[in-house]
Amino acid sequence: MLVSINPKLPMRNKSATIDYYVNSLGFKKVGTIDYPEYLMVEKDDIEIHFFLFEALNPKENYGQVYIRTNDIETLYQSLLNINVAIHPNGKLELKPWKQKEFALLDPDSNLLTFGE
């Protein structure tokens, strides 16, 4: 049986990725070995992995993750309170498919969409 999924996204700079996900989004690093070209972070019941891709052009990155939440307004407001940039086209709104969503772009232009 399938029990979880851990998306793998590209990162150009491990320190910048750690700073964004840990210091801005409240994730924590996972794992007992610190691999220079790999990173795992988790928050609540989700885990995201990253692989080093220094030649990545952020304008050509189509990495995307859809993350479900059960309290989207609180999450959205908590990010606004600490000045996390919301995607210019990703403000919190009720979509035509009746899902409340907002989106962020990480330092490598991986799109994080949150939905409830």
PDB file of N, CA and C in Angstrom:
ATOM      1  N   MET A   1       0.830  -1.197   0.000  1.00  0.00           N
ATOM      2  CA  MET A   1       0.000   0.000   0.000  1.00  0.00           C
ATOM      3  C   MET A   1       0.868   1.253   0.000  1.00  0.00           C
ATOM      4  N   LEU A   2       0.430   2.243  -0.719  1.00  0.00           N
ATOM      5  CA  LEU A   2       1.132   3.523  -0.729  1.00  0.00           C
ATOM      6  C   LEU A   2       0.767   4.292   0.536  1.00  0.00           C
ATOM      7  N   VAL A   3       1.767   4.910   1.175  1.00  0.00           N
ATOM      8  CA  VAL A   3       1.481   5.620   2.425  1.00  0.00           C
ATOM      9  C   VAL A   3       1.904   7.080   2.412  1.00  0.00           C
ATOM     10  N   SER A   4       2.818   7.462   1.530  1.00  0.00           N
ATOM     11  CA  SER A   4       3.207   8.872   1.472  1.00  0.00           C
ATOM     12  C   SER A   4       3.935   9.130   0.164  1.00  0.00           C
ATOM     13  N   ILE A   5       4.130  10.406  -0.106  1.00  0.00           N
ATOM     14  CA  ILE A   5       4.898  10.813  -1.280  1.00  0.00           C
ATOM     15  C   ILE A   5       5.833  11.935  -0.849  1.00  0.00           C
ATOM     16  N   ASN A   6       7.054  11.888  -1.351  1.00  0.00           N
ATOM     17  CA  ASN A   6       8.049  12.891  -1.016  1.00  0.00           C
ATOM     18  C   ASN A   6       8.617  13.460  -2.312  1.00  0.00           C
ATOM     19  N   PRO A   7       8.063  14.581  -2.767  1.00  0.00           N
ATOM     20  CA  PRO A   7       8.542  15.153  -4.022  1.00  0.00           C
ATOM     21  C   PRO A   7      10.010  15.552  -3.928  1.00  0.00           C
ATOM     22  N   LYS A   8      10.699  15.481  -5.064  1.00  0.00           N
ATOM     23  CA  LYS A   8      12.097  15.891  -5.173  1.00  0.00           C
ATOM     24  C   LYS A   8      12.157  17.077  -6.121  1.00  0.00           C
ATOM     25  N   LEU A   9      12.670  18.189  -5.619  1.00  0.00           N
ATOM     26  CA  LEU A   9      12.742  19.426  -6.385  1.00  0.00           C
ATOM     27  C   LEU A   9      14.194  19.853  -6.562  1.00  0.00           C
ATOM     28  N   PRO A  10      14.497  20.576  -7.629  1.00  0.00           N
ATOM     29  CA  PRO A  10      15.863  21.061  -7.823  1.00  0.00           C
ATOM     30  C   PRO A  10      16.170  22.267  -6.938  1.00  0.00           C
ATOM     31  N   MET A  11      17.436  22.364  -6.557  1.00  0.00           N
ATOM     32  CA  MET A  11      17.929  23.536  -5.808  1.00  0.00           C
ATOM     33  C   MET A  11      19.282  23.925  -6.377  1.00  0.00           C
ATOM     34  N   ARG A  12      19.521  25.223  -6.465  1.00  0.00           N
ATOM     35  CA  ARG A  12      20.821  25.701  -6.953  1.00  0.00           C
ATOM     36  C   ARG A  12      21.815  25.862  -5.820  1.00  0.00           C
ATOM     37  N   ASN A  13      21.311  26.201  -4.643  1.00  0.00           N
ATOM     38  CA  ASN A  13      22.175  26.502  -3.507  1.00  0.00           C
ATOM     39  C   ASN A  13      21.536  25.932  -2.250  1.00  0.00           C
ATOM     40  N   LYS A  14      22.193  24.977  -1.644  1.00  0.00           N
ATOM     41  CA  LYS A  14      21.623  24.293  -0.480  1.00  0.00           C
ATOM     42  C   LYS A  14      21.389  25.256   0.683  1.00  0.00           C
ATOM     43  N   SER A  15      22.316  26.160   0.941  1.00  0.00           N
ATOM     44  CA  SER A  15      22.155  27.118   2.051  1.00  0.00           C
ATOM     45  C   SER A  15      20.941  28.011   1.850  1.00  0.00           C
ATOM     46  N   ALA A  16      20.730  28.475   0.623  1.00  0.00           N
ATOM     47  CA  ALA A  16      19.568  29.329   0.330  1.00  0.00           C
ATOM     48  C   ALA A  16      18.271  28.544   0.489  1.00  0.00           C
ATOM     49  N   THR A  17      18.283  27.280   0.085  1.00  0.00           N
ATOM     50  CA  THR A  17      17.086  26.445   0.218  1.00  0.00           C
ATOM     51  C   THR A  17      16.779  26.191   1.687  1.00  0.00           C
ATOM     52  N   ILE A  18      17.796  25.894   2.470  1.00  0.00           N
ATOM     53  CA  ILE A  18      17.608  25.705   3.913  1.00  0.00           C
ATOM     54  C   ILE A  18      17.058  26.977   4.536  1.00  0.00           C
ATOM     55  N   ASP A  19      17.645  28.105   4.190  1.00  0.00           N
ATOM     56  CA  ASP A  19      17.194  29.379   4.766  1.00  0.00           C
ATOM     57  C   ASP A  19      15.714  29.610   4.471  1.00  0.00           C
ATOM     58  N   TYR A  20      15.289  29.383   3.243  1.00  0.00           N
ATOM     59  CA  TYR A  20      13.898  29.634   2.877  1.00  0.00           C
ATOM     60  C   TYR A  20      12.947  28.665   3.575  1.00  0.00           C
ATOM     61  N   TYR A  21      13.221  27.381   3.458  1.00  0.00           N
ATOM     62  CA  TYR A  21      12.286  26.389   3.989  1.00  0.00           C
ATOM     63  C   TYR A  21      12.312  26.311   5.517  1.00  0.00           C
ATOM     64  N   VAL A  22      13.480  26.414   6.123  1.00  0.00           N
ATOM     65  CA  VAL A  22      13.578  26.308   7.577  1.00  0.00           C
ATOM     66  C   VAL A  22      13.258  27.644   8.240  1.00  0.00           C
ATOM     67  N   ASN A  23      13.919  28.702   7.818  1.00  0.00           N
ATOM     68  CA  ASN A  23      13.759  29.990   8.508  1.00  0.00           C
ATOM     69  C   ASN A  23      12.507  30.754   8.109  1.00  0.00           C
ATOM     70  N   SER A  24      12.041  30.592   6.885  1.00  0.00           N
ATOM     71  CA  SER A  24      10.852  31.332   6.450  1.00  0.00           C
ATOM     72  C   SER A  24       9.570  30.513   6.554  1.00  0.00           C
ATOM     73  N   LEU A  25       9.642  29.236   6.164  1.00  0.00           N
ATOM     74  CA  LEU A  25       8.412  28.431   6.117  1.00  0.00           C
ATOM     75  C   LEU A  25       8.237  27.511   7.322  1.00  0.00           C
ATOM     76  N   GLY A  26       9.227  27.427   8.194  1.00  0.00           N
ATOM     77  CA  GLY A  26       9.078  26.652   9.423  1.00  0.00           C
ATOM     78  C   GLY A  26       9.295  25.150   9.291  1.00  0.00           C
ATOM     79  N   PHE A  27       9.937  24.714   8.212  1.00  0.00           N
ATOM     80  CA  PHE A  27      10.297  23.308   8.081  1.00  0.00           C
ATOM     81  C   PHE A  27      11.515  23.026   8.952  1.00  0.00           C
ATOM     82  N   LYS A  28      11.841  21.758   9.134  1.00  0.00           N
ATOM     83  CA  LYS A  28      13.083  21.388   9.801  1.00  0.00           C
ATOM     84  C   LYS A  28      13.810  20.373   8.935  1.00  0.00           C
ATOM     85  N   LYS A  29      15.136  20.386   9.035  1.00  0.00           N
ATOM     86  CA  LYS A  29      15.945  19.432   8.281  1.00  0.00           C
ATOM     87  C   LYS A  29      15.712  18.032   8.826  1.00  0.00           C
ATOM     88  N   VAL A  30      15.768  17.043   7.929  1.00  0.00           N
ATOM     89  CA  VAL A  30      15.555  15.653   8.274  1.00  0.00           C
ATOM     90  C   VAL A  30      16.798  14.862   7.878  1.00  0.00           C
ATOM     91  N   GLY A  31      17.080  13.821   8.620  1.00  0.00           N
ATOM     92  CA  GLY A  31      18.180  12.927   8.274  1.00  0.00           C
ATOM     93  C   GLY A  31      19.343  13.062   9.219  1.00  0.00           C
ATOM     94  N   THR A  32      20.110  12.004   9.310  1.00  0.00           N
ATOM     95  CA  THR A  32      21.249  11.986  10.229  1.00  0.00           C
ATOM     96  C   THR A  32      22.564  12.273   9.518  1.00  0.00           C
ATOM     97  N   ILE A  33      22.566  12.209   8.187  1.00  0.00           N
ATOM     98  CA  ILE A  33      23.771  12.494   7.408  1.00  0.00           C
ATOM     99  C   ILE A  33      23.508  13.725   6.548  1.00  0.00           C
ATOM    100  N   ASP A  34      24.450  14.659   6.554  1.00  0.00           N
ATOM    101  CA  ASP A  34      24.315  15.881   5.764  1.00  0.00           C
ATOM    102  C   ASP A  34      25.023  15.692   4.427  1.00  0.00           C
ATOM    103  N   TYR A  35      24.266  15.308   3.411  1.00  0.00           N
ATOM    104  CA  TYR A  35      24.830  15.131   2.079  1.00  0.00           C
ATOM    105  C   TYR A  35      24.964  16.499   1.407  1.00  0.00           C
ATOM    106  N   PRO A  36      26.114  16.796   0.810  1.00  0.00           N
ATOM    107  CA  PRO A  36      26.303  18.130   0.215  1.00  0.00           C
ATOM    108  C   PRO A  36      25.375  18.424  -0.953  1.00  0.00           C
ATOM    109  N   GLU A  37      24.894  17.388  -1.650  1.00  0.00           N
ATOM    110  CA  GLU A  37      24.081  17.614  -2.844  1.00  0.00           C
ATOM    111  C   GLU A  37      22.629  17.173  -2.668  1.00  0.00           C
ATOM    112  N   TYR A  38      22.208  16.991  -1.422  1.00  0.00           N
ATOM    113  CA  TYR A  38      20.839  16.523  -1.182  1.00  0.00           C
ATOM    114  C   TYR A  38      20.333  17.111   0.122  1.00  0.00           C
ATOM    115  N   LEU A  39      19.033  17.388   0.171  1.00  0.00           N
ATOM    116  CA  LEU A  39      18.425  17.974   1.362  1.00  0.00           C
ATOM    117  C   LEU A  39      17.026  17.408   1.529  1.00  0.00           C
ATOM    118  N   MET A  40      16.666  17.129   2.779  1.00  0.00           N
ATOM    119  CA  MET A  40      15.307  16.699   3.104  1.00  0.00           C
ATOM    120  C   MET A  40      14.792  17.611   4.215  1.00  0.00           C
ATOM    121  N   VAL A  41      13.568  18.103   4.035  1.00  0.00           N
ATOM    122  CA  VAL A  41      12.933  18.929   5.063  1.00  0.00           C
ATOM    123  C   VAL A  41      11.527  18.391   5.322  1.00  0.00           C
ATOM    124  N   GLU A  42      11.036  18.648   6.540  1.00  0.00           N
ATOM    125  CA  GLU A  42       9.684  18.209   6.861  1.00  0.00           C
ATOM    126  C   GLU A  42       8.982  19.245   7.723  1.00  0.00           C
ATOM    127  N   LYS A  43       7.668  19.214   7.634  1.00  0.00           N
ATOM    128  CA  LYS A  43       6.815  20.048   8.476  1.00  0.00           C
ATOM    129  C   LYS A  43       5.489  19.313   8.600  1.00  0.00           C
ATOM    130  N   ASP A  44       5.025  19.168   9.833  1.00  0.00           N
ATOM    131  CA  ASP A  44       3.794  18.426  10.095  1.00  0.00           C
ATOM    132  C   ASP A  44       3.893  17.047   9.435  1.00  0.00           C
ATOM    133  N   ASP A  45       3.010  16.728   8.508  1.00  0.00           N
ATOM    134  CA  ASP A  45       3.007  15.400   7.893  1.00  0.00           C
ATOM    135  C   ASP A  45       3.563  15.371   6.479  1.00  0.00           C
ATOM    136  N   ILE A  46       4.293  16.413   6.074  1.00  0.00           N
ATOM    137  CA  ILE A  46       4.847  16.384   4.719  1.00  0.00           C
ATOM    138  C   ILE A  46       6.368  16.464   4.754  1.00  0.00           C
ATOM    139  N   GLU A  47       6.978  15.914   3.736  1.00  0.00           N
ATOM    140  CA  GLU A  47       8.423  15.924   3.581  1.00  0.00           C
ATOM    141  C   GLU A  47       8.725  16.259   2.122  1.00  0.00           C
ATOM    142  N   ILE A  48       9.681  17.167   1.917  1.00  0.00           N
ATOM    143  CA  ILE A  48      10.109  17.547   0.577  1.00  0.00           C
ATOM    144  C   ILE A  48      11.610  17.305   0.490  1.00  0.00           C
ATOM    145  N   HIS A  49      12.044  16.717  -0.627  1.00  0.00           N
ATOM    146  CA  HIS A  49      13.458  16.467  -0.867  1.00  0.00           C
ATOM    147  C   HIS A  49      13.942  17.402  -1.976  1.00  0.00           C
ATOM    148  N   PHE A  50      15.238  17.708  -1.926  1.00  0.00           N
ATOM    149  CA  PHE A  50      15.854  18.585  -2.920  1.00  0.00           C
ATOM    150  C   PHE A  50      17.162  17.971  -3.387  1.00  0.00           C
ATOM    151  N   PHE A  51      17.456  18.122  -4.667  1.00  0.00           N
ATOM    152  CA  PHE A  51      18.725  17.670  -5.225  1.00  0.00           C
ATOM    153  C   PHE A  51      19.443  18.874  -5.820  1.00  0.00           C
ATOM    154  N   LEU A  52      20.757  18.888  -5.682  1.00  0.00           N
ATOM    155  CA  LEU A  52      21.552  19.997  -6.185  1.00  0.00           C
ATOM    156  C   LEU A  52      21.554  20.016  -7.714  1.00  0.00           C
ATOM    157  N   PHE A  53      21.238  21.185  -8.264  1.00  0.00           N
ATOM    158  CA  PHE A  53      21.232  21.397  -9.714  1.00  0.00           C
ATOM    159  C   PHE A  53      21.711  22.836  -9.919  1.00  0.00           C
ATOM    160  N   GLU A  54      23.019  23.022  -9.815  1.00  0.00           N
ATOM    161  CA  GLU A  54      23.598  24.368  -9.851  1.00  0.00           C
ATOM    162  C   GLU A  54      23.348  25.093 -11.161  1.00  0.00           C
ATOM    163  N   ALA A  55      23.208  24.360 -12.265  1.00  0.00           N
ATOM    164  CA  ALA A  55      23.002  24.983 -13.573  1.00  0.00           C
ATOM    165  C   ALA A  55      21.539  25.325 -13.849  1.00  0.00           C
ATOM    166  N   LEU A  56      20.676  25.090 -12.895  1.00  0.00           N
ATOM    167  CA  LEU A  56      19.246  25.363 -13.076  1.00  0.00           C
ATOM    168  C   LEU A  56      19.009  26.832 -13.411  1.00  0.00           C
ATOM    169  N   ASN A  57      18.234  27.065 -14.441  1.00  0.00           N
ATOM    170  CA  ASN A  57      17.787  28.411 -14.765  1.00  0.00           C
ATOM    171  C   ASN A  57      16.390  28.559 -14.156  1.00  0.00           C
ATOM    172  N   PRO A  58      16.221  29.379 -13.108  1.00  0.00           N
ATOM    173  CA  PRO A  58      14.919  29.496 -12.455  1.00  0.00           C
ATOM    174  C   PRO A  58      13.784  29.865 -13.403  1.00  0.00           C
ATOM    175  N   LYS A  59      14.096  30.594 -14.480  1.00  0.00           N
ATOM    176  CA  LYS A  59      13.059  30.971 -15.438  1.00  0.00           C
ATOM    177  C   LYS A  59      12.585  29.779 -16.265  1.00  0.00           C
ATOM    178  N   GLU A  60      13.333  28.684 -16.215  1.00  0.00           N
ATOM    179  CA  GLU A  60      12.962  27.476 -16.956  1.00  0.00           C
ATOM    180  C   GLU A  60      12.582  26.325 -16.026  1.00  0.00           C
ATOM    181  N   ASN A  61      12.425  26.611 -14.748  1.00  0.00           N
ATOM    182  CA  ASN A  61      12.092  25.565 -13.775  1.00  0.00           C
ATOM    183  C   ASN A  61      10.573  25.422 -13.666  1.00  0.00           C
ATOM    184  N   TYR A  62      10.105  24.209 -13.838  1.00  0.00           N
ATOM    185  CA  TYR A  62       8.670  23.947 -13.740  1.00  0.00           C
ATOM    186  C   TYR A  62       8.345  23.051 -12.550  1.00  0.00           C
ATOM    187  N   GLY A  63       9.266  22.983 -11.559  1.00  0.00           N
ATOM    188  CA  GLY A  63       9.010  22.192 -10.358  1.00  0.00           C
ATOM    189  C   GLY A  63       7.793  22.728  -9.624  1.00  0.00           C
ATOM    190  N   GLN A  64       6.881  21.829  -9.268  1.00  0.00           N
ATOM    191  CA  GLN A  64       5.651  22.232  -8.584  1.00  0.00           C
ATOM    192  C   GLN A  64       5.255  21.178  -7.558  1.00  0.00           C
ATOM    193  N   VAL A  65       4.710  21.652  -6.448  1.00  0.00           N
ATOM    194  CA  VAL A  65       4.164  20.770  -5.419  1.00  0.00           C
ATOM    195  C   VAL A  65       2.839  21.363  -4.957  1.00  0.00           C
ATOM    196  N   TYR A  66       1.846  20.505  -4.823  1.00  0.00           N
ATOM    197  CA  TYR A  66       0.546  20.926  -4.280  1.00  0.00           C
ATOM    198  C   TYR A  66       0.455  20.363  -2.868  1.00  0.00           C
ATOM    199  N   ILE A  67       0.264  21.251  -1.889  1.00  0.00           N
ATOM    200  CA  ILE A  67       0.257  20.858  -0.483  1.00  0.00           C
ATOM    201  C   ILE A  67      -1.119  21.162   0.103  1.00  0.00           C
ATOM    202  N   ARG A  68      -1.767  20.150   0.614  1.00  0.00           N
ATOM    203  CA  ARG A  68      -3.072  20.345   1.250  1.00  0.00           C
ATOM    204  C   ARG A  68      -2.889  20.751   2.709  1.00  0.00           C
ATOM    205  N   THR A  69      -3.769  21.637   3.153  1.00  0.00           N
ATOM    206  CA  THR A  69      -3.762  22.099   4.534  1.00  0.00           C
ATOM    207  C   THR A  69      -5.197  22.116   5.048  1.00  0.00           C
ATOM    208  N   ASN A  70      -5.352  22.080   6.365  1.00  0.00           N
ATOM    209  CA  ASN A  70      -6.700  22.123   6.935  1.00  0.00           C
ATOM    210  C   ASN A  70      -7.013  23.457   7.615  1.00  0.00           C
ATOM    211  N   ASP A  71      -6.101  24.440   7.465  1.00  0.00           N
ATOM    212  CA  ASP A  71      -6.333  25.773   8.034  1.00  0.00           C
ATOM    213  C   ASP A  71      -5.585  26.802   7.186  1.00  0.00           C
ATOM    214  N   ILE A  72      -6.050  26.980   5.974  1.00  0.00           N
ATOM    215  CA  ILE A  72      -5.315  27.783   4.998  1.00  0.00           C
ATOM    216  C   ILE A  72      -5.246  29.261   5.373  1.00  0.00           C
ATOM    217  N   GLU A  73      -6.315  29.788   5.977  1.00  0.00           N
ATOM    218  CA  GLU A  73      -6.282  31.216   6.329  1.00  0.00           C
ATOM    219  C   GLU A  73      -5.212  31.512   7.376  1.00  0.00           C
ATOM    220  N   THR A  74      -5.088  30.649   8.385  1.00  0.00           N
ATOM    221  CA  THR A  74      -4.068  30.843   9.423  1.00  0.00           C
ATOM    222  C   THR A  74      -2.678  30.716   8.823  1.00  0.00           C
ATOM    223  N   LEU A  75      -2.478  29.713   7.974  1.00  0.00           N
ATOM    224  CA  LEU A  75      -1.182  29.532   7.331  1.00  0.00           C
ATOM    225  C   LEU A  75      -0.828  30.752   6.476  1.00  0.00           C
ATOM    226  N   TYR A  76      -1.762  31.196   5.677  1.00  0.00           N
ATOM    227  CA  TYR A  76      -1.540  32.351   4.801  1.00  0.00           C
ATOM    228  C   TYR A  76      -1.183  33.594   5.626  1.00  0.00           C
ATOM    229  N   GLN A  77      -1.963  33.855   6.659  1.00  0.00           N
ATOM    230  CA  GLN A  77      -1.706  35.041   7.486  1.00  0.00           C
ATOM    231  C   GLN A  77      -0.367  34.940   8.207  1.00  0.00           C
ATOM    232  N   SER A  78       0.000  33.745   8.664  1.00  0.00           N
ATOM    233  CA  SER A  78       1.282  33.586   9.362  1.00  0.00           C
ATOM    234  C   SER A  78       2.452  33.877   8.417  1.00  0.00           C
ATOM    235  N   LEU A  79       2.323  33.521   7.164  1.00  0.00           N
ATOM    236  CA  LEU A  79       3.373  33.822   6.188  1.00  0.00           C
ATOM    237  C   LEU A  79       3.419  35.315   5.869  1.00  0.00           C
ATOM    238  N   LEU A  80       2.247  35.932   5.738  1.00  0.00           N
ATOM    239  CA  LEU A  80       2.218  37.388   5.528  1.00  0.00           C
ATOM    240  C   LEU A  80       2.846  38.121   6.711  1.00  0.00           C
ATOM    241  N   ASN A  81       2.586  37.639   7.929  1.00  0.00           N
ATOM    242  CA  ASN A  81       3.099  38.284   9.139  1.00  0.00           C
ATOM    243  C   ASN A  81       4.620  38.315   9.191  1.00  0.00           C
ATOM    244  N   ILE A  82       5.267  37.341   8.562  1.00  0.00           N
ATOM    245  CA  ILE A  82       6.729  37.325   8.571  1.00  0.00           C
ATOM    246  C   ILE A  82       7.306  37.702   7.203  1.00  0.00           C
ATOM    247  N   ASN A  83       6.472  38.334   6.388  1.00  0.00           N
ATOM    248  CA  ASN A  83       6.886  38.897   5.099  1.00  0.00           C
ATOM    249  C   ASN A  83       7.398  37.872   4.087  1.00  0.00           C
ATOM    250  N   VAL A  84       6.804  36.676   4.092  1.00  0.00           N
ATOM    251  CA  VAL A  84       7.112  35.707   3.041  1.00  0.00           C
ATOM    252  C   VAL A  84       6.377  36.179   1.787  1.00  0.00           C
ATOM    253  N   ALA A  85       7.103  36.258   0.694  1.00  0.00           N
ATOM    254  CA  ALA A  85       6.505  36.740  -0.556  1.00  0.00           C
ATOM    255  C   ALA A  85       5.521  35.722  -1.115  1.00  0.00           C
ATOM    256  N   ILE A  86       4.321  36.184  -1.379  1.00  0.00           N
ATOM    257  CA  ILE A  86       3.289  35.374  -2.020  1.00  0.00           C
ATOM    258  C   ILE A  86       3.461  35.546  -3.531  1.00  0.00           C
ATOM    259  N   HIS A  87       3.242  34.481  -4.287  1.00  0.00           N
ATOM    260  CA  HIS A  87       3.348  34.560  -5.749  1.00  0.00           C
ATOM    261  C   HIS A  87       2.446  35.693  -6.241  1.00  0.00           C
ATOM    262  N   PRO A  88       2.922  36.522  -7.173  1.00  0.00           N
ATOM    263  CA  PRO A  88       2.104  37.653  -7.652  1.00  0.00           C
ATOM    264  C   PRO A  88       0.721  37.233  -8.164  1.00  0.00           C
ATOM    265  N   ASN A  89       0.609  36.050  -8.724  1.00  0.00           N
ATOM    266  CA  ASN A  89      -0.686  35.549  -9.193  1.00  0.00           C
ATOM    267  C   ASN A  89      -1.251  34.496  -8.260  1.00  0.00           C
ATOM    268  N   GLY A  90      -0.755  34.446  -7.024  1.00  0.00           N
ATOM    269  CA  GLY A  90      -1.132  33.368  -6.125  1.00  0.00           C
ATOM    270  C   GLY A  90      -1.695  33.799  -4.794  1.00  0.00           C
ATOM    271  N   LYS A  91      -2.345  34.947  -4.748  1.00  0.00           N
ATOM    272  CA  LYS A  91      -2.981  35.394  -3.508  1.00  0.00           C
ATOM    273  C   LYS A  91      -4.070  34.405  -3.085  1.00  0.00           C
ATOM    274  N   LEU A  92      -4.356  34.365  -1.808  1.00  0.00           N
ATOM    275  CA  LEU A  92      -5.387  33.458  -1.295  1.00  0.00           C
ATOM    276  C   LEU A  92      -6.735  33.815  -1.908  1.00  0.00           C
ATOM    277  N   GLU A  93      -7.358  32.808  -2.523  1.00  0.00           N
ATOM    278  CA  GLU A  93      -8.680  33.019  -3.105  1.00  0.00           C
ATOM    279  C   GLU A  93      -9.398  31.683  -3.254  1.00  0.00           C
ATOM    280  N   LEU A  94     -10.704  31.779  -3.367  1.00  0.00           N
ATOM    281  CA  LEU A  94     -11.527  30.613  -3.642  1.00  0.00           C
ATOM    282  C   LEU A  94     -11.551  30.413  -5.149  1.00  0.00           C
ATOM    283  N   LYS A  95     -11.066  29.260  -5.587  1.00  0.00           N
ATOM    284  CA  LYS A  95     -10.982  28.969  -7.011  1.00  0.00           C
ATOM    285  C   LYS A  95     -12.336  28.484  -7.534  1.00  0.00           C
ATOM    286  N   PRO A  96     -12.552  28.532  -8.841  1.00  0.00           N
ATOM    287  CA  PRO A  96     -13.825  28.061  -9.419  1.00  0.00           C
ATOM    288  C   PRO A  96     -14.137  26.609  -9.068  1.00  0.00           C
ATOM    289  N   TRP A  97     -13.113  25.818  -8.766  1.00  0.00           N
ATOM    290  CA  TRP A  97     -13.327  24.411  -8.411  1.00  0.00           C
ATOM    291  C   TRP A  97     -13.559  24.240  -6.912  1.00  0.00           C
ATOM    292  N   LYS A  98     -13.868  25.395  -6.223  1.00  0.00           N
ATOM    293  CA  LYS A  98     -14.260  25.430  -4.809  1.00  0.00           C
ATOM    294  C   LYS A  98     -13.131  25.062  -3.852  1.00  0.00           C
ATOM    295  N   GLN A  99     -11.908  25.292  -4.269  1.00  0.00           N
ATOM    296  CA  GLN A  99     -10.741  25.047  -3.431  1.00  0.00           C
ATOM    297  C   GLN A  99     -10.132  26.395  -3.081  1.00  0.00           C
ATOM    298  N   LYS A 100      -9.861  26.650  -1.790  1.00  0.00           N
ATOM    299  CA  LYS A 100      -9.130  27.849  -1.390  1.00  0.00           C
ATOM    300  C   LYS A 100      -7.656  27.558  -1.593  1.00  0.00           C
ATOM    301  N   GLU A 101      -6.973  28.465  -2.291  1.00  0.00           N
ATOM    302  CA  GLU A 101      -5.570  28.244  -2.611  1.00  0.00           C
ATOM    303  C   GLU A 101      -4.763  29.540  -2.555  1.00  0.00           C
ATOM    304  N   PHE A 102      -3.453  29.360  -2.320  1.00  0.00           N
ATOM    305  CA  PHE A 102      -2.471  30.419  -2.542  1.00  0.00           C
ATOM    306  C   PHE A 102      -1.171  29.750  -2.943  1.00  0.00           C
ATOM    307  N   ALA A 103      -0.213  30.537  -3.464  1.00  0.00           N
ATOM    308  CA  ALA A 103       1.022  29.954  -3.973  1.00  0.00           C
ATOM    309  C   ALA A 103       2.238  30.806  -3.623  1.00  0.00           C
ATOM    310  N   LEU A 104       3.376  30.122  -3.529  1.00  0.00           N
ATOM    311  CA  LEU A 104       4.674  30.741  -3.272  1.00  0.00           C
ATOM    312  C   LEU A 104       5.664  30.242  -4.318  1.00  0.00           C
ATOM    313  N   LEU A 105       6.694  31.028  -4.562  1.00  0.00           N
ATOM    314  CA  LEU A 105       7.834  30.571  -5.354  1.00  0.00           C
ATOM    315  C   LEU A 105       9.046  30.539  -4.440  1.00  0.00           C
ATOM    316  N   ASP A 106       9.746  29.404  -4.401  1.00  0.00           N
ATOM    317  CA  ASP A 106      10.948  29.345  -3.574  1.00  0.00           C
ATOM    318  C   ASP A 106      12.112  29.992  -4.331  1.00  0.00           C
ATOM    319  N   PRO A 107      13.306  30.042  -3.750  1.00  0.00           N
ATOM    320  CA  PRO A 107      14.425  30.739  -4.411  1.00  0.00           C
ATOM    321  C   PRO A 107      14.796  30.182  -5.786  1.00  0.00           C
ATOM    322  N   ASP A 108      14.367  28.967  -6.101  1.00  0.00           N
ATOM    323  CA  ASP A 108      14.687  28.362  -7.385  1.00  0.00           C
ATOM    324  C   ASP A 108      13.490  28.323  -8.326  1.00  0.00           C
ATOM    325  N   SER A 109      12.449  29.039  -7.974  1.00  0.00           N
ATOM    326  CA  SER A 109      11.190  29.112  -8.737  1.00  0.00           C
ATOM    327  C   SER A 109      10.405  27.809  -8.748  1.00  0.00           C
ATOM    328  N   ASN A 110      10.606  26.970  -7.727  1.00  0.00           N
ATOM    329  CA  ASN A 110       9.694  25.842  -7.522  1.00  0.00           C
ATOM    330  C   ASN A 110       8.399  26.421  -6.997  1.00  0.00           C
ATOM    331  N   LEU A 111       7.283  26.048  -7.606  1.00  0.00           N
ATOM    332  CA  LEU A 111       5.985  26.577  -7.212  1.00  0.00           C
ATOM    333  C   LEU A 111       5.377  25.711  -6.119  1.00  0.00           C
ATOM    334  N   LEU A 112       5.056  26.333  -4.985  1.00  0.00           N
ATOM    335  CA  LEU A 112       4.382  25.656  -3.884  1.00  0.00           C
ATOM    336  C   LEU A 112       2.966  26.177  -3.830  1.00  0.00           C
ATOM    337  N   THR A 113       1.999  25.346  -4.125  1.00  0.00           N
ATOM    338  CA  THR A 113       0.592  25.742  -4.043  1.00  0.00           C
ATOM    339  C   THR A 113      -0.008  25.063  -2.831  1.00  0.00           C
ATOM    340  N   PHE A 114      -0.665  25.860  -2.008  1.00  0.00           N
ATOM    341  CA  PHE A 114      -1.340  25.356  -0.805  1.00  0.00           C
ATOM    342  C   PHE A 114      -2.843  25.403  -1.044  1.00  0.00           C
ATOM    343  N   GLY A 115      -3.526  24.340  -0.671  1.00  0.00           N
ATOM    344  CA  GLY A 115      -4.963  24.296  -0.897  1.00  0.00           C
ATOM    345  C   GLY A 115      -5.711  23.647   0.247  1.00  0.00           C
ATOM    346  N   GLU A 116      -6.960  24.127   0.424  1.00  0.00           N
ATOM    347  CA  GLU A 116      -7.874  23.557   1.425  1.00  0.00           C
ATOM    348  C   GLU A 116      -9.229  23.380   0.779  1.00  0.00           C
TER     349      GLU A 116
END
